[in-house]
């Protein structure tokens, strides 16, 4: 899979994690094996009330 953000291309592999800002121009291209991906989205700057204290920080 190749992800292009603002004219910069990145080859992604299984397990890759990417963050793209809302204003980033993006395109996703599946290669021969096809493509399965998960998109998690929130309005930009809408989660300011949450900090490290609302989750469990692991020391690994």
N, C-alpha and C. Protein backbone atom coordinates (compact mmCIF):
# COMPACT_ATOMS: atom_id res chain seq x y z
N UNK A 1 0.85 -1.17 0.00
CA UNK A 1 0.00 0.00 0.00
C UNK A 1 0.90 1.23 0.00
N UNK A 2 0.50 2.20 -0.75
CA UNK A 2 1.23 3.47 -0.81
C UNK A 2 0.28 4.58 -0.38
N UNK A 3 0.70 5.37 0.57
CA UNK A 3 -0.07 6.51 1.04
C UNK A 3 0.66 7.77 0.62
N UNK A 4 -0.05 8.66 -0.04
CA UNK A 4 0.53 9.94 -0.43
C UNK A 4 -0.16 11.04 0.36
N UNK A 5 0.65 11.85 1.05
CA UNK A 5 0.15 12.98 1.83
C UNK A 5 0.90 14.22 1.37
N UNK A 6 0.16 15.20 0.89
CA UNK A 6 0.77 16.46 0.43
C UNK A 6 1.95 16.20 -0.52
N UNK A 7 1.74 15.33 -1.50
CA UNK A 7 2.74 15.00 -2.53
C UNK A 7 3.96 14.25 -2.00
N UNK A 8 3.91 13.71 -0.79
CA UNK A 8 4.97 12.86 -0.24
C UNK A 8 4.42 11.45 -0.12
N UNK A 9 5.08 10.47 -0.75
CA UNK A 9 4.58 9.09 -0.76
C UNK A 9 5.32 8.24 0.27
N UNK A 10 4.56 7.35 0.92
CA UNK A 10 5.09 6.45 1.94
C UNK A 10 4.58 5.05 1.64
N UNK A 11 5.49 4.06 1.62
CA UNK A 11 5.06 2.68 1.47
C UNK A 11 4.71 2.15 2.86
N UNK A 12 3.50 1.65 3.01
CA UNK A 12 3.05 1.15 4.30
C UNK A 12 3.05 -0.37 4.30
N UNK A 13 3.29 -0.94 5.47
CA UNK A 13 3.29 -2.39 5.64
C UNK A 13 2.25 -2.74 6.70
N UNK A 14 1.96 -4.02 6.82
CA UNK A 14 1.01 -4.48 7.82
C UNK A 14 1.41 -3.95 9.20
N UNK A 15 0.45 -3.37 9.91
CA UNK A 15 0.69 -2.84 11.24
C UNK A 15 1.10 -1.37 11.27
N UNK A 16 1.23 -0.75 10.12
CA UNK A 16 1.61 0.67 10.08
C UNK A 16 0.52 1.53 10.71
N UNK A 17 0.94 2.59 11.37
CA UNK A 17 0.03 3.56 11.97
C UNK A 17 0.41 4.93 11.45
N UNK A 18 -0.57 5.66 10.95
CA UNK A 18 -0.34 6.97 10.35
C UNK A 18 -1.32 7.97 10.93
N UNK A 19 -0.86 9.18 11.20
CA UNK A 19 -1.74 10.28 11.60
C UNK A 19 -1.64 11.33 10.51
N UNK A 20 -2.80 11.75 10.02
CA UNK A 20 -2.86 12.79 8.99
C UNK A 20 -3.72 13.92 9.52
N UNK A 21 -3.21 15.14 9.48
CA UNK A 21 -4.01 16.29 9.92
C UNK A 21 -5.17 16.50 8.96
N UNK A 22 -6.25 17.12 9.42
CA UNK A 22 -7.41 17.32 8.55
C UNK A 22 -7.11 18.06 7.25
N UNK A 23 -6.13 18.95 7.27
CA UNK A 23 -5.84 19.71 6.04
C UNK A 23 -4.86 18.99 5.12
N UNK A 24 -4.39 17.81 5.51
CA UNK A 24 -3.47 17.04 4.66
C UNK A 24 -4.21 16.46 3.47
N UNK A 25 -3.67 16.69 2.27
CA UNK A 25 -4.25 16.12 1.05
C UNK A 25 -3.70 14.72 0.92
N UNK A 26 -4.59 13.72 0.85
CA UNK A 26 -4.14 12.33 0.91
C UNK A 26 -4.74 11.49 -0.20
N UNK A 27 -4.02 10.44 -0.57
CA UNK A 27 -4.48 9.43 -1.52
C UNK A 27 -3.91 8.09 -1.07
N UNK A 28 -4.72 7.04 -1.18
CA UNK A 28 -4.30 5.70 -0.79
C UNK A 28 -4.36 4.80 -2.02
N UNK A 29 -3.29 4.04 -2.25
CA UNK A 29 -3.24 3.13 -3.40
C UNK A 29 -2.95 1.72 -2.90
N UNK A 30 -3.87 0.80 -3.18
CA UNK A 30 -3.66 -0.60 -2.83
C UNK A 30 -2.72 -1.22 -3.86
N UNK A 31 -1.87 -2.14 -3.41
CA UNK A 31 -1.01 -2.86 -4.32
C UNK A 31 -1.68 -4.18 -4.69
N UNK A 32 -0.95 -5.14 -5.22
CA UNK A 32 -1.53 -6.39 -5.72
C UNK A 32 -2.31 -7.18 -4.67
N UNK A 33 -1.94 -7.08 -3.41
CA UNK A 33 -2.59 -7.88 -2.36
C UNK A 33 -3.91 -7.29 -1.89
N UNK A 34 -4.31 -6.14 -2.37
CA UNK A 34 -5.54 -5.51 -1.90
C UNK A 34 -5.26 -4.61 -0.71
N UNK A 35 -6.34 -4.21 -0.05
CA UNK A 35 -6.18 -3.22 1.01
C UNK A 35 -7.29 -3.38 2.04
N UNK A 36 -6.90 -3.43 3.30
CA UNK A 36 -7.83 -3.39 4.43
C UNK A 36 -7.25 -2.37 5.40
N UNK A 37 -8.08 -1.39 5.82
CA UNK A 37 -7.56 -0.40 6.76
C UNK A 37 -8.66 0.07 7.69
N UNK A 38 -8.26 0.64 8.80
CA UNK A 38 -9.16 1.16 9.82
C UNK A 38 -8.91 2.65 9.95
N UNK A 39 -9.97 3.43 9.91
CA UNK A 39 -9.86 4.88 10.05
C UNK A 39 -10.57 5.29 11.34
N UNK A 40 -9.85 5.96 12.22
CA UNK A 40 -10.42 6.50 13.45
C UNK A 40 -10.31 8.01 13.34
N UNK A 41 -11.41 8.68 13.57
CA UNK A 41 -11.45 10.12 13.30
C UNK A 41 -12.11 10.88 14.44
N UNK A 42 -11.60 12.06 14.70
CA UNK A 42 -12.21 13.00 15.64
C UNK A 42 -12.01 14.40 15.09
N UNK A 43 -12.88 15.29 15.44
CA UNK A 43 -12.74 16.68 15.00
C UNK A 43 -11.45 17.24 15.58
N UNK A 44 -10.67 17.94 14.76
CA UNK A 44 -9.38 18.47 15.21
C UNK A 44 -9.56 19.36 16.44
N UNK A 45 -8.71 19.11 17.43
CA UNK A 45 -8.67 19.86 18.69
C UNK A 45 -9.95 19.72 19.52
N UNK A 46 -10.72 18.66 19.27
CA UNK A 46 -11.97 18.48 20.02
C UNK A 46 -11.75 17.67 21.29
N UNK A 47 -10.58 17.09 21.48
CA UNK A 47 -10.35 16.23 22.63
C UNK A 47 -9.36 16.85 23.62
N UNK A 48 -9.36 18.16 23.72
CA UNK A 48 -8.42 18.85 24.60
C UNK A 48 -8.64 18.52 26.07
N UNK A 49 -9.84 18.11 26.43
CA UNK A 49 -10.12 17.80 27.84
C UNK A 49 -9.51 16.47 28.27
N UNK A 50 -9.04 15.67 27.32
CA UNK A 50 -8.47 14.36 27.66
C UNK A 50 -6.95 14.46 27.70
N UNK A 51 -6.36 13.77 28.67
CA UNK A 51 -4.91 13.77 28.85
C UNK A 51 -4.47 12.34 29.10
N UNK A 52 -3.24 12.17 29.50
CA UNK A 52 -2.76 10.83 29.85
C UNK A 52 -3.53 10.24 31.03
N UNK A 53 -4.20 11.08 31.80
CA UNK A 53 -4.93 10.60 32.98
C UNK A 53 -6.22 9.88 32.64
N UNK A 54 -6.70 9.96 31.38
CA UNK A 54 -7.94 9.28 31.04
C UNK A 54 -7.68 7.89 30.44
N UNK A 55 -6.43 7.47 30.45
CA UNK A 55 -6.09 6.14 29.94
C UNK A 55 -5.12 5.47 30.88
N UNK A 56 -4.68 4.30 30.50
CA UNK A 56 -3.72 3.55 31.31
C UNK A 56 -2.38 3.57 30.58
N UNK A 57 -1.38 4.20 31.15
CA UNK A 57 -0.06 4.31 30.54
C UNK A 57 0.75 3.07 30.91
N UNK A 58 1.27 2.39 29.90
CA UNK A 58 2.09 1.20 30.13
C UNK A 58 3.55 1.58 30.15
N UNK A 59 4.35 0.88 30.92
CA UNK A 59 5.77 1.21 31.04
C UNK A 59 6.64 0.31 30.15
N UNK A 60 6.10 -0.25 29.11
CA UNK A 60 6.86 -1.14 28.22
C UNK A 60 7.68 -0.36 27.24
